[in-house]
C-alpha atoms as a PDB file:
ATOM      1  CA  UNK A   1      10.699  -5.153 -24.345  1.00  0.00           C
ATOM      2  CA  UNK A   2       7.071  -4.380 -25.152  1.00  0.00           C
ATOM      3  CA  UNK A   3       6.484  -1.436 -27.461  1.00  0.00           C
ATOM      4  CA  UNK A   4       4.071   0.193 -25.037  1.00  0.00           C
ATOM      5  CA  UNK A   5       6.626   0.367 -22.167  1.00  0.00           C
ATOM      6  CA  UNK A   6       7.380   4.002 -21.319  1.00  0.00           C
ATOM      7  CA  UNK A   7       9.597   4.124 -18.203  1.00  0.00           C
ATOM      8  CA  UNK A   8      10.051   2.534 -14.747  1.00  0.00           C
ATOM      9  CA  UNK A   9       7.655   4.996 -13.089  1.00  0.00           C
ATOM     10  CA  UNK A  10       9.792   5.861 -10.074  1.00  0.00           C
ATOM     11  CA  UNK A  11       9.649   9.536 -11.017  1.00  0.00           C
ATOM     12  CA  UNK A  12       6.527  10.886 -12.694  1.00  0.00           C
ATOM     13  CA  UNK A  13       5.733  14.226 -14.306  1.00  0.00           C
ATOM     14  CA  UNK A  14       2.623  15.597 -12.585  1.00  0.00           C
ATOM     15  CA  UNK A  15       0.835  18.930 -12.200  1.00  0.00           C
ATOM     16  CA  UNK A  16       1.636  20.890  -9.031  1.00  0.00           C
ATOM     17  CA  UNK A  17      -1.393  21.102  -6.719  1.00  0.00           C
ATOM     18  CA  UNK A  18      -2.833  24.207  -5.056  1.00  0.00           C
ATOM     19  CA  UNK A  19      -0.029  26.237  -3.471  1.00  0.00           C
ATOM     20  CA  UNK A  20       2.662  24.614  -5.637  1.00  0.00           C
ATOM     21  CA  UNK A  21       5.375  22.228  -4.486  1.00  0.00           C
ATOM     22  CA  UNK A  22       8.751  22.556  -2.785  1.00  0.00           C
ATOM     23  CA  UNK A  23      11.636  20.198  -3.453  1.00  0.00           C
ATOM     24  CA  UNK A  24      11.719  17.409  -0.865  1.00  0.00           C
ATOM     25  CA  UNK A  25       8.139  18.011   0.250  1.00  0.00           C
ATOM     26  CA  UNK A  26       5.423  15.372   0.260  1.00  0.00           C
ATOM     27  CA  UNK A  27       2.289  15.878  -1.842  1.00  0.00           C
ATOM     28  CA  UNK A  28      -0.852  13.942  -2.687  1.00  0.00           C
ATOM     29  CA  UNK A  29      -1.862  14.258  -6.332  1.00  0.00           C
ATOM     30  CA  UNK A  30      -5.172  12.494  -6.866  1.00  0.00           C
ATOM     31  CA  UNK A  31      -4.599   9.341  -4.794  1.00  0.00           C
ATOM     32  CA  UNK A  32      -0.841   9.233  -5.429  1.00  0.00           C
ATOM     33  CA  UNK A  33       1.698  10.375  -2.808  1.00  0.00           C
ATOM     34  CA  UNK A  34       5.007  11.685  -4.157  1.00  0.00           C
ATOM     35  CA  UNK A  35       8.084  13.569  -3.009  1.00  0.00           C
ATOM     36  CA  UNK A  36       8.728  16.657  -5.158  1.00  0.00           C
ATOM     37  CA  UNK A  37      12.092  16.591  -6.937  1.00  0.00           C
ATOM     38  CA  UNK A  38      12.084  20.365  -7.567  1.00  0.00           C
ATOM     39  CA  UNK A  39      10.022  23.468  -6.825  1.00  0.00           C
ATOM     40  CA  UNK A  40       7.048  24.267  -9.039  1.00  0.00           C
ATOM     41  CA  UNK A  41       4.224  26.796  -8.926  1.00  0.00           C
ATOM     42  CA  UNK A  42       0.596  25.691  -8.792  1.00  0.00           C
ATOM     43  CA  UNK A  43      -0.518  24.238 -12.117  1.00  0.00           C
ATOM     44  CA  UNK A  44       3.040  23.808 -13.418  1.00  0.00           C
ATOM     45  CA  UNK A  45       4.558  20.424 -14.235  1.00  0.00           C
ATOM     46  CA  UNK A  46       6.893  18.910 -11.641  1.00  0.00           C
ATOM     47  CA  UNK A  47       8.720  15.658 -11.132  1.00  0.00           C
ATOM     48  CA  UNK A  48       7.485  13.577  -8.212  1.00  0.00           C
ATOM     49  CA  UNK A  49       9.254  10.508  -6.837  1.00  0.00           C
ATOM     50  CA  UNK A  50       6.689   7.797  -6.044  1.00  0.00           C
ATOM     51  CA  UNK A  51       8.963   5.099  -4.605  1.00  0.00           C
ATOM     52  CA  UNK A  52      11.790   4.592  -2.153  1.00  0.00           C
ATOM     53  CA  UNK A  53      12.466   5.148   1.526  1.00  0.00           C
ATOM     54  CA  UNK A  54      12.295   8.763   2.685  1.00  0.00           C
ATOM     55  CA  UNK A  55      12.950  10.581   5.941  1.00  0.00           C
ATOM     56  CA  UNK A  56       9.737  12.586   6.396  1.00  0.00           C
ATOM     57  CA  UNK A  57       8.496  15.018   9.043  1.00  0.00           C
ATOM     58  CA  UNK A  58       6.358  13.126  11.527  1.00  0.00           C
ATOM     59  CA  UNK A  59       3.612  13.999  13.962  1.00  0.00           C
ATOM     60  CA  UNK A  60       4.885  14.682  17.477  1.00  0.00           C
ATOM     61  CA  UNK A  61       3.797  12.275  20.218  1.00  0.00           C
ATOM     62  CA  UNK A  62       3.374   9.567  17.555  1.00  0.00           C
ATOM     63  CA  UNK A  63       5.739   6.628  18.229  1.00  0.00           C
ATOM     64  CA  UNK A  64       6.311   4.223  15.338  1.00  0.00           C
ATOM     65  CA  UNK A  65       7.204   0.545  15.321  1.00  0.00           C
ATOM     66  CA  UNK A  66       8.783  -1.098  12.318  1.00  0.00           C
ATOM     67  CA  UNK A  67       6.410  -1.940   9.476  1.00  0.00           C
ATOM     68  CA  UNK A  68       3.381   0.002  10.722  1.00  0.00           C
ATOM     69  CA  UNK A  69       1.141   1.781   8.221  1.00  0.00           C
ATOM     70  CA  UNK A  70       2.010   5.448   7.758  1.00  0.00           C
ATOM     71  CA  UNK A  71      -0.388   8.129   6.524  1.00  0.00           C
ATOM     72  CA  UNK A  72      -0.029  11.723   5.307  1.00  0.00           C
ATOM     73  CA  UNK A  73      -2.139  14.414   6.971  1.00  0.00           C
ATOM     74  CA  UNK A  74      -1.259  17.094   4.411  1.00  0.00           C
ATOM     75  CA  UNK A  75       1.899  18.296   6.157  1.00  0.00           C
ATOM     76  CA  UNK A  76       3.436  15.349   7.993  1.00  0.00           C
ATOM     77  CA  UNK A  77       3.491  11.576   8.384  1.00  0.00           C
ATOM     78  CA  UNK A  78       1.411   9.907  11.083  1.00  0.00           C
ATOM     79  CA  UNK A  79       0.103   6.501  12.115  1.00  0.00           C
ATOM     80  CA  UNK A  80      -3.402   7.977  12.458  1.00  0.00           C
ATOM     81  CA  UNK A  81      -5.566   6.678   9.597  1.00  0.00           C
ATOM     82  CA  UNK A  82      -8.674   8.838  10.102  1.00  0.00           C
ATOM     83  CA  UNK A  83      -9.004  11.486   7.355  1.00  0.00           C
ATOM     84  CA  UNK A  84      -5.423  10.820   6.169  1.00  0.00           C
ATOM     85  CA  UNK A  85      -3.891   9.274   3.024  1.00  0.00           C
ATOM     86  CA  UNK A  86      -1.990   5.953   3.260  1.00  0.00           C
ATOM     87  CA  UNK A  87       1.553   6.533   1.930  1.00  0.00           C
ATOM     88  CA  UNK A  88       3.482   3.440   3.014  1.00  0.00           C
ATOM     89  CA  UNK A  89       5.041   1.766   6.041  1.00  0.00           C
ATOM     90  CA  UNK A  90       7.614   2.735   8.644  1.00  0.00           C
ATOM     91  CA  UNK A  91      11.056   1.413   7.770  1.00  0.00           C
ATOM     92  CA  UNK A  92      12.488   2.009  11.259  1.00  0.00           C
ATOM     93  CA  UNK A  93      11.401   2.598  14.826  1.00  0.00           C
ATOM     94  CA  UNK A  94      10.778   6.287  15.601  1.00  0.00           C
ATOM     95  CA  UNK A  95      10.354   7.616  19.139  1.00  0.00           C
ATOM     96  CA  UNK A  96       7.350   9.804  19.899  1.00  0.00           C
ATOM     97  CA  UNK A  97       9.524  12.921  20.133  1.00  0.00           C
ATOM     98  CA  UNK A  98      11.470  12.247  16.892  1.00  0.00           C
ATOM     99  CA  UNK A  99      10.909  15.055  14.360  1.00  0.00           C
ATOM    100  CA  UNK A 100      11.163  12.679  11.393  1.00  0.00           C
ATOM    101  CA  UNK A 101      10.536   9.046  10.528  1.00  0.00           C
ATOM    102  CA  UNK A 102      11.765   6.747   7.796  1.00  0.00           C
ATOM    103  CA  UNK A 103       8.922   5.780   5.450  1.00  0.00           C
ATOM    104  CA  UNK A 104       9.001   3.283   2.604  1.00  0.00           C
ATOM    105  CA  UNK A 105       6.555   4.641   0.077  1.00  0.00           C
ATOM    106  CA  UNK A 106       3.825   2.278  -0.987  1.00  0.00           C
ATOM    107  CA  UNK A 107       4.326   1.171  -4.599  1.00  0.00           C
END
């Protein structure tokens, strides 16, 4: 293995953004979307998972088909691109009234 290899990169140590992070919550750090592995106060280091399929809170009245692009609006997943951050693709159909949706994070 190359000497400059550090780790797989599934989980990264990042700095908690404004307001801190809560375990299981989604956060955008720079242009990277991660799921917090543990709680951390603003400015503190935290572990963020950047890959995998996650059940995330989703916008109400937003039906999803399989494989559609999914964005983060700061608090929930949505298929609305405008002013939102691309985080991945839907991994399952989600009815409009479903509170959560399965999202495969974009590598």
